[in-house]
Protein backbone atom coordinates (compact mmCIF):
# COMPACT_ATOMS: atom_id res chain seq x y z
CA MET A 1 -0.10 -0.18 0.04
CA THR A 2 1.20 3.42 -0.83
CA VAL A 3 1.74 5.70 2.30
CA VAL A 4 0.57 8.94 1.84
CA ALA A 5 1.59 11.10 5.03
CA GLY A 6 -0.30 14.03 5.87
CA ILE A 7 1.09 17.15 7.72
CA VAL A 8 -1.24 20.39 9.08
CA CYS A 9 1.71 23.09 9.37
CA GLU A 10 2.78 26.69 9.11
CA TYR A 11 6.34 26.66 8.11
CA ASN A 12 6.81 30.25 9.81
CA PRO A 13 10.05 29.62 8.91
CA PHE A 14 10.48 26.02 7.57
CA HIS A 15 13.32 24.89 9.86
CA GLU A 16 15.29 21.69 11.30
CA GLY A 17 12.51 20.29 13.49
CA HIS A 18 10.48 20.21 10.31
CA PHE A 19 13.26 18.37 8.59
CA LEU A 20 13.32 16.01 11.01
CA GLN A 21 9.80 15.37 11.00
CA ILE A 22 9.72 14.89 7.38
CA ASN A 23 12.76 12.45 7.18
CA LYS A 24 10.92 10.53 10.22
CA LEU A 25 8.12 9.88 7.85
CA ARG A 26 10.48 8.50 4.94
CA ARG A 27 12.79 6.22 7.19
CA GLU A 28 10.31 5.05 9.88
CA HIS A 29 7.15 5.07 8.52
CA GLY A 30 7.50 4.56 4.99
CA ALA A 31 6.04 7.69 3.26
CA ASP A 32 5.79 7.66 -0.05
CA VAL A 33 4.10 10.80 -0.80
CA ILE A 34 3.99 13.67 2.11
CA VAL A 35 1.26 16.03 1.47
CA CYS A 36 1.62 19.36 3.81
CA ALA A 37 -1.19 21.84 4.23
CA MET A 38 -0.11 25.29 5.23
CA SER A 39 -1.56 28.59 6.19
CA GLY A 40 -1.15 31.23 3.94
CA HIS A 41 -0.34 35.00 4.80
CA PHE A 42 -1.63 35.21 8.24
CA MET A 43 -1.29 32.40 11.12
CA GLN A 44 -3.11 30.76 13.83
CA ARG A 45 -1.81 32.74 16.33
CA GLY A 46 -2.52 36.25 14.67
CA GLU A 47 0.48 36.93 13.14
CA PRO A 48 1.89 37.67 9.77
CA ALA A 49 3.86 35.58 8.06
CA VAL A 50 7.80 36.08 8.11
CA THR A 51 7.91 35.62 4.36
CA THR A 52 5.52 34.52 1.40
CA LYS A 53 3.52 31.63 1.10
CA GLU A 54 5.74 30.93 -2.37
CA ARG A 55 8.98 31.05 -0.46
CA ARG A 56 7.75 28.95 2.26
CA THR A 57 6.58 26.29 0.18
CA MET A 58 9.55 26.38 -1.75
CA MET A 59 11.13 25.42 1.33
CA ALA A 60 9.12 22.78 2.10
CA LEU A 61 9.68 21.21 -1.22
CA SER A 62 13.55 21.56 -0.95
CA CYS A 63 13.46 19.33 1.91
CA GLY A 64 11.07 16.66 1.83
CA ALA A 65 7.48 17.65 0.76
CA ASP A 66 5.94 16.36 -2.43
CA LEU A 67 2.77 18.37 -2.24
CA VAL A 68 1.87 22.04 -0.73
CA ILE A 69 -2.17 23.14 -0.56
CA GLU A 70 -3.06 25.85 0.85
CA LEU A 71 -4.80 26.08 3.97
CA PRO A 72 -7.36 28.89 3.78
CA ALA A 73 -7.26 32.09 5.91
CA LEU A 74 -10.90 31.24 6.87
CA TYR A 75 -9.18 28.11 8.95
CA ALA A 76 -5.96 29.32 9.24
CA THR A 77 -6.45 32.09 11.59
CA ARG A 78 -8.61 30.59 13.81
CA SER A 79 -8.63 28.70 17.26
CA ALA A 80 -6.97 25.38 17.11
CA TYR A 81 -10.30 23.12 16.10
CA TRP A 82 -11.23 25.21 13.61
CA PHE A 83 -7.85 25.43 12.52
CA ALA A 84 -7.65 21.49 12.90
CA LEU A 85 -11.09 21.49 11.14
CA GLY A 86 -9.56 23.01 7.93
CA GLY A 87 -6.03 21.11 7.60
CA VAL A 88 -7.40 17.44 8.47
CA SER A 89 -9.93 18.05 5.73
CA LEU A 90 -8.03 19.13 3.23
CA LEU A 91 -5.82 16.17 3.60
CA ALA A 92 -8.32 14.10 3.82
CA ALA A 93 -9.12 15.58 0.30
CA ALA A 94 -6.01 15.30 -0.89
CA GLY A 95 -5.79 11.54 -0.43
CA ILE A 96 -3.98 10.68 2.57
CA THR A 97 -3.54 7.46 4.43
CA HIS A 98 -1.56 8.66 7.57
CA LEU A 99 -1.70 12.19 9.41
CA ALA A 100 1.74 13.05 11.05
CA PHE A 101 1.83 15.51 13.90
CA GLY A 102 4.09 16.41 17.28
CA ALA A 103 3.20 16.63 20.60
CA GLU A 104 4.68 17.43 24.12
CA THR A 105 3.21 13.85 25.18
CA ASP A 106 4.71 11.37 24.08
CA ASP A 107 1.60 8.79 24.31
CA LEU A 108 -0.16 8.65 21.01
CA GLN A 109 -3.30 6.27 23.21
CA ALA A 110 -3.92 8.90 25.81
CA LEU A 111 -3.91 11.22 23.09
CA GLN A 112 -6.49 9.45 21.30
CA ALA A 113 -8.65 8.46 24.53
CA THR A 114 -9.15 12.48 25.16
CA ALA A 115 -9.98 12.99 21.26
CA GLU A 116 -12.41 10.53 21.45
CA ARG A 117 -13.98 12.41 24.50
CA LEU A 118 -13.96 15.92 23.07
CA ALA A 119 -15.65 13.88 19.68
CA ASN A 120 -18.09 12.27 21.95
CA PRO A 121 -18.58 14.49 25.23
CA ASP A 122 -20.40 12.56 27.90
CA ASP A 123 -22.55 14.77 30.40
CA ALA A 124 -19.62 15.09 33.14
CA TYR A 125 -17.64 16.90 30.94
CA THR A 126 -20.86 18.96 28.97
CA SER A 127 -21.80 20.15 32.12
CA GLY A 128 -18.24 20.64 33.68
CA LEU A 129 -17.12 22.79 30.43
CA GLN A 130 -20.41 24.79 30.71
CA ARG A 131 -19.58 25.53 34.87
CA PHE A 132 -16.11 26.22 34.33
CA LEU A 133 -16.83 28.58 31.30
CA ARG A 134 -19.58 30.52 33.12
CA ALA A 135 -16.73 31.28 36.13
CA GLY A 136 -14.99 33.00 33.80
CA LEU A 137 -12.13 30.51 32.36
CA PRO A 138 -10.54 30.79 28.86
CA PHE A 139 -11.97 27.71 26.59
CA ALA A 140 -8.98 25.74 26.76
CA GLU A 141 -8.35 25.81 30.69
CA ALA A 142 -12.14 25.24 31.18
CA GLN A 143 -12.33 22.35 28.80
CA ALA A 144 -9.15 20.54 30.49
CA LYS A 145 -10.41 21.10 33.63
CA ALA A 146 -13.78 19.56 32.54
CA LEU A 147 -11.97 16.53 31.29
CA THR A 148 -10.22 16.08 34.44
CA ASP A 149 -12.79 17.28 37.03
CA GLY A 150 -14.43 13.89 38.81
CA SER A 151 -13.10 11.68 36.33
CA LEU A 152 -10.56 8.61 36.35
CA HIS A 153 -10.00 9.61 32.83
CA GLN A 154 -6.43 10.27 31.73
CA PHE A 155 -6.16 13.56 30.39
CA VAL A 156 -3.34 14.84 28.03
CA PRO A 157 -1.61 18.14 29.48
CA ASP A 158 -2.76 21.06 27.95
CA LEU A 159 0.59 22.14 25.69
CA PRO A 160 0.59 23.90 22.44
CA ASN A 161 1.23 20.68 20.36
CA ASP A 162 -0.84 18.50 22.63
CA ARG A 163 -3.91 20.95 22.03
CA LEU A 164 -3.54 20.94 18.09
CA ALA A 165 -2.79 17.05 18.24
CA LEU A 166 -6.03 16.60 20.37
CA SER A 167 -8.04 18.73 17.47
CA TYR A 168 -6.53 16.72 14.74
CA LEU A 169 -7.45 13.54 16.40
CA GLN A 170 -10.79 15.00 17.66
CA VAL A 171 -11.74 16.05 13.66
CA ALA A 172 -11.08 12.87 12.57
CA ALA A 173 -13.05 11.21 14.94
CA GLU A 174 -15.71 13.49 14.24
CA LYS A 175 -15.45 12.68 10.80
CA GLN A 176 -14.69 9.01 10.99
CA LEU A 177 -11.90 9.41 8.78
CA SER A 178 -10.24 6.03 8.31
CA ILE A 179 -6.56 7.69 8.69
CA LYS A 180 -3.91 6.25 10.77
CA PRO A 181 -2.29 8.90 13.21
CA ILE A 182 1.49 9.23 13.70
CA LEU A 183 2.70 10.93 16.89
CA ILE A 184 6.04 12.57 16.21
CA PRO A 185 7.06 13.71 19.83
CA ARG A 186 8.62 17.13 19.63
CA GLU A 187 12.19 17.58 20.28
CA GLY A 188 14.55 20.64 21.06
CA SER A 189 13.09 24.06 22.17
CA ALA A 190 9.48 24.28 23.63
CA TYR A 191 7.05 25.82 21.04
CA HIS A 192 7.38 29.18 22.39
CA ALA A 193 10.79 29.31 23.47
CA ASN A 194 12.01 32.56 22.36
CA THR A 195 15.87 32.16 22.26
CA LEU A 196 17.69 29.94 20.27
CA PRO A 197 19.42 26.67 21.80
CA ALA A 198 22.62 26.47 22.69
CA GLN A 199 25.24 25.55 19.93
CA GLY A 200 25.40 22.00 19.10
CA SER A 201 21.96 21.98 19.15
CA GLN A 202 19.90 22.39 15.90
CA ILE A 203 16.35 22.54 16.67
CA ALA A 204 15.02 25.84 17.59
CA SER A 205 11.68 27.03 17.79
CA ALA A 206 9.95 29.28 15.22
CA THR A 207 9.32 31.60 17.79
CA ALA A 208 13.43 31.64 18.32
CA ILE A 209 14.19 32.11 14.56
CA ARG A 210 11.68 34.93 13.78
CA ARG A 211 13.08 36.82 17.21
CA ARG A 212 16.79 36.67 15.77
CA LEU A 213 15.64 37.46 12.26
CA SER A 214 14.27 40.80 13.74
CA ASP A 215 16.90 41.54 15.74
CA GLY A 216 18.84 41.02 12.68
CA ALA A 217 17.04 43.43 10.45
CA LEU A 218 17.29 45.87 13.26
CA ARG A 219 21.00 45.36 13.32
CA PHE A 220 21.78 45.85 9.18
CA GLY A 221 18.99 48.02 9.31
CA ASN A 222 16.85 46.22 6.46
CA HIS A 223 14.29 43.79 6.42
CA THR A 224 15.73 41.88 3.55
CA LEU A 225 18.85 39.52 4.81
CA ASN A 226 21.12 38.30 2.40
CA ALA A 227 22.55 34.68 2.85
CA ASP A 228 25.87 36.32 4.54
CA MET A 229 23.74 38.33 6.85
CA LEU A 230 21.72 35.19 7.65
CA ARG A 231 24.75 33.52 8.35
CA ALA A 232 26.13 36.03 10.63
CA LEU A 233 23.17 35.34 12.58
CA ALA A 234 23.70 32.01 12.94
CA ILE A 235 20.31 31.00 11.29
CA ASP A 236 22.39 28.85 9.23
CA LYS A 237 22.48 26.37 12.07
CA TYR A 238 18.52 26.12 12.67
CA ILE A 239 17.24 26.09 9.11
CA PRO A 240 18.07 23.56 6.37
CA GLU A 241 21.14 24.11 4.29
CA ALA A 242 18.67 23.23 1.34
CA ALA A 243 15.90 25.88 2.56
CA LEU A 244 17.98 28.98 3.44
CA PRO A 245 18.39 30.16 0.05
CA TYR A 246 14.51 30.75 0.32
CA LEU A 247 14.79 32.78 2.86
CA ALA A 248 18.09 34.73 1.99
CA ASP A 249 16.82 37.93 0.26
CA ALA A 250 13.16 37.75 1.14
CA GLN A 251 10.87 40.87 2.05
CA LEU A 252 10.83 39.68 5.96
CA LEU A 253 7.65 40.78 7.75
CA PHE A 254 7.37 41.09 11.64
CA ALA A 255 4.15 41.38 14.16
CA ALA A 256 5.64 44.67 14.91
CA ASP A 257 5.71 45.42 11.54
CA ALA A 258 1.61 45.24 11.29
CA ALA A 259 1.13 47.01 14.80
CA PRO A 260 0.69 50.51 14.00
CA VAL A 261 -1.79 49.44 11.09
CA GLN A 262 -3.69 47.63 13.39
CA MET A 263 -3.35 50.03 16.16
CA ALA A 264 -5.16 52.86 13.88
CA LEU A 265 -8.00 50.18 12.99
CA LEU A 266 -8.59 49.54 16.79
CA ARG A 267 -8.96 53.58 17.17
CA ARG A 268 -10.87 53.88 14.31
CA ALA A 269 -13.01 50.98 15.32
CA ASN A 270 -17.11 51.06 16.99
CA ARG A 271 -19.16 48.58 18.67
CA ALA A 272 -20.55 47.46 15.92
CA SER A 273 -17.61 46.67 13.50
CA LEU A 274 -16.36 45.08 16.61
CA LEU A 275 -19.52 43.19 16.67
CA ALA A 276 -19.29 41.58 13.55
CA LEU A 277 -15.80 39.88 14.27
CA PRO A 278 -15.92 36.23 14.43
CA ASP A 279 -15.64 35.21 18.44
CA MET A 280 -16.48 39.08 19.57
CA THR A 281 -18.70 37.89 23.36
CA GLU A 282 -20.98 40.65 24.40
CA GLY A 283 -19.41 43.03 26.42
CA LEU A 284 -15.56 42.49 24.71
CA GLU A 285 -16.76 44.70 22.25
CA ASN A 286 -16.83 47.72 25.26
CA ARG A 287 -13.01 46.68 26.59
CA VAL A 288 -11.49 47.02 23.60
CA LEU A 289 -12.74 50.47 22.72
CA SER A 290 -11.64 51.59 26.10
CA ALA A 291 -8.63 49.83 25.90
CA ALA A 292 -7.72 51.24 22.72
CA ALA A 293 -8.38 54.92 23.53
CA ARG A 294 -6.14 54.43 26.36
CA ALA A 295 -3.05 52.96 24.95
CA GLU A 296 -0.31 54.47 23.40
CA ASP A 297 0.76 51.18 21.28
CA LEU A 298 -0.23 47.85 20.34
CA ASP A 299 1.77 46.24 23.10
CA ALA A 300 0.10 48.49 25.68
CA PHE A 301 -3.61 47.65 24.46
CA TYR A 302 -2.61 43.88 24.89
CA ARG A 303 -1.47 44.51 28.46
CA LEU A 304 -4.47 46.55 29.18
CA LEU A 305 -7.08 44.23 27.64
CA LYS A 306 -5.11 40.72 28.45
CA THR A 307 -6.77 38.90 31.53
CA LYS A 308 -7.38 34.86 32.43
CA ARG A 309 -10.09 35.04 30.40
CA TYR A 310 -9.12 36.72 27.28
CA THR A 311 -5.45 35.24 26.55
CA MET A 312 -2.65 36.62 24.33
CA THR A 313 -3.73 34.34 21.37
CA ARG A 314 -7.41 35.06 21.19
CA LEU A 315 -6.53 38.94 21.36
CA GLN A 316 -4.32 38.72 18.68
CA ARG A 317 -6.26 36.78 16.46
CA MET A 318 -9.59 39.26 17.22
CA VAL A 319 -6.80 42.12 16.04
CA THR A 320 -5.68 39.78 13.05
CA HIS A 321 -9.53 39.68 12.16
CA LEU A 322 -10.29 43.49 12.05
CA LEU A 323 -7.01 43.69 10.00
CA ILE A 324 -8.17 41.58 7.42
CA ASP A 325 -11.45 42.20 7.47
CA TYR A 326 -12.60 38.45 8.86
CA GLN A 327 -16.18 39.32 9.78
CA ALA A 328 -18.59 36.44 11.66
CA THR A 329 -20.36 36.17 8.47
CA HIS A 330 -17.17 34.28 7.34
CA ALA A 331 -17.19 31.87 10.27
CA ASP A 332 -20.63 30.94 9.54
CA ARG A 333 -19.62 28.77 6.60
CA ILE A 334 -16.73 27.33 7.99
CA THR A 335 -18.67 24.32 8.98
CA ASP A 336 -19.58 24.00 5.60
CA GLY A 337 -16.34 22.46 4.56
CA VAL A 338 -13.18 23.25 2.40
CA PRO A 339 -14.84 24.96 -0.34
CA TYR A 340 -11.55 23.79 -2.71
CA LEU A 341 -8.10 22.57 -2.86
CA ARG A 342 -5.76 24.79 -4.07
CA ILE A 343 -2.05 23.73 -5.20
CA LEU A 344 0.68 25.73 -3.72
CA GLY A 345 3.57 23.80 -4.80
CA THR A 346 4.31 19.62 -6.16
CA SER A 347 7.66 17.62 -6.59
CA SER A 348 7.40 14.85 -9.24
CA ALA A 349 5.68 12.43 -7.00
CA GLY A 350 3.16 14.70 -5.63
CA ARG A 351 2.53 15.57 -9.30
CA LEU A 352 1.94 12.03 -9.85
CA HIS A 353 -0.07 11.61 -6.68
CA LEU A 354 -2.67 14.20 -7.71
CA HIS A 355 -2.63 12.40 -11.21
CA GLN A 356 -3.45 9.78 -9.47
CA ILE A 357 -6.46 11.13 -7.13
CA LYS A 358 -7.87 13.52 -9.55
CA LYS A 359 -11.03 11.85 -9.90
CA THR A 360 -11.48 10.84 -6.37
CA VAL A 361 -11.10 14.41 -5.00
CA PRO A 362 -14.30 15.48 -3.44
CA ILE A 363 -14.01 19.31 -3.79
CA PRO A 364 -12.52 21.49 -6.52
CA VAL A 365 -9.23 21.45 -7.17
CA ILE A 366 -7.47 24.67 -7.78
CA THR A 367 -3.92 24.90 -9.84
CA ARG A 368 -4.80 28.44 -11.75
CA THR A 369 -6.44 31.49 -10.94
CA SER A 370 -8.92 31.18 -13.95
CA ARG A 371 -10.48 28.03 -12.13
CA MET A 372 -10.86 30.01 -9.33
CA LYS A 373 -12.98 32.23 -11.37
CA GLU A 374 -14.74 29.59 -12.45
CA LEU A 375 -15.42 28.51 -9.06
CA ILE A 376 -16.43 31.95 -7.34
CA ARG A 377 -19.18 32.48 -9.64
CA GLN A 378 -20.77 29.21 -8.78
CA CYS A 379 -20.09 29.00 -4.66
CA ARG A 380 -20.77 31.57 -2.02
CA HIS A 381 -18.59 29.56 0.04
CA ALA A 382 -15.32 29.37 -2.60
CA ALA A 383 -15.93 33.24 -3.26
CA ASP A 384 -15.69 34.35 0.57
CA SER A 385 -12.94 32.52 0.86
CA TRP A 386 -11.31 33.51 -2.03
CA ASP A 387 -12.25 37.39 -1.55
CA LEU A 388 -10.42 36.69 2.41
CA GLU A 389 -7.18 35.33 0.50
CA LEU A 390 -6.93 38.06 -1.73
CA ARG A 391 -7.20 40.76 1.00
CA CYS A 392 -4.50 38.83 3.37
CA THR A 393 -2.03 38.92 0.44
CA ALA A 394 -2.68 42.62 -0.38
CA ILE A 395 -2.28 43.36 3.27
CA HIS A 396 0.53 41.51 3.77
CA GLY A 397 2.04 42.43 0.46
CA LEU A 398 1.56 46.40 1.61
CA LEU A 399 3.18 45.95 4.85
CA SER A 400 6.06 44.19 3.91
CA GLY A 401 7.00 46.45 0.39
CA ARG A 402 5.96 43.71 -1.88
CA ASP A 403 5.76 44.64 -5.73
CA PHE A 404 2.23 45.19 -6.74
CA SER A 405 2.89 47.00 -9.82
CA GLY A 406 1.24 44.00 -11.63
CA GLY A 407 -1.85 43.77 -9.55
CA ASN A 408 -2.77 41.38 -6.38
CA PRO A 409 0.02 38.51 -6.51
CA GLU A 410 -3.05 35.88 -6.05
CA TYR A 411 -3.93 36.66 -9.74
CA LEU A 412 -0.84 36.08 -11.21
CA PHE A 413 0.18 33.13 -8.58
CA SER A 414 1.39 29.80 -10.28
CA PRO A 415 1.97 26.55 -8.13
CA GLN A 416 5.99 26.17 -6.92
CA ASN A 417 7.28 23.10 -8.54
CA ILE A 418 10.78 21.08 -8.29
């Protein structure tokens, strides 16, 4: 049987930990084809991608991925469950046989047991969740407490990769997908570690790499760093050699670059525009308006607004949704399923796989913009998703200084191939 392994990813940027995961899928699990569902220009934690999806696609292909498909912003900028719903649904449509993911907990059985309970909640869990939410706890913490409160169930710790792993497995269980899970325990730095590891360890967190790149942009006075600059920053120790050329000379973008525009939008916002955002609970909009009026910058805004109930990640997503004009009307359609499978890049093995599955893919496959134009005339869900993607690229390009003289790059995009 051909083993087609799927990965839901951001590759922001692609680093040695990602390279290790792909190599393990080849060597230890016999993967013949590796399919990646990758976020576009804005990330799940509410930050812009450090560089374009074209470059990040080439980083992945150069390091062993065979097929990179786009996880639409409709899913890519939402909380863990919706992020997973989009990613797993896309990979299933692309014909994967195995789903690979990292986790802090090296216990697949425990992860699956927790995910099954999330997919098929019992009364004790449901009532507990509502009780903890009413007490003002953020959803993730309320969920964790409900899973362990008065239960002998072995709950997996609520760590970042565990949270995503549980969401992937929950979606697979809810959709009754016959896909075999592959757990690859996380190695190296912690998910949110913001400093690079000691010399000799090559697996750094993406957070730490982005911080070093940001420091380098200040040091060299340029958001475009050539190969020599990247080596001077020791970035080459944490990013695979084959991927490094696609980071060199890129127009880098950092969260701080978007902050002034986001702050301006917060200052301009009113109650109605905030209530139009997804996940905007009644009352939060008033706190947002008050904090925006008093804060001198975005960091101060977050400090004023962040509480135990409103986590930093949730607030960052909210501000990004304001930036890209992601509204609750978009979110209403998110349960309809991913509207298309858009190809970002392929290897020869990926192209062969696409050819083999072309008659069984349950959603339209998009390899050229003309096909997208046809689809959006027929499907409102696809039209909304594409419209959001256009805005994400336009805003990311504006902030990073990308050349738009030929129009929005989405209209000119062709899959990257190796």
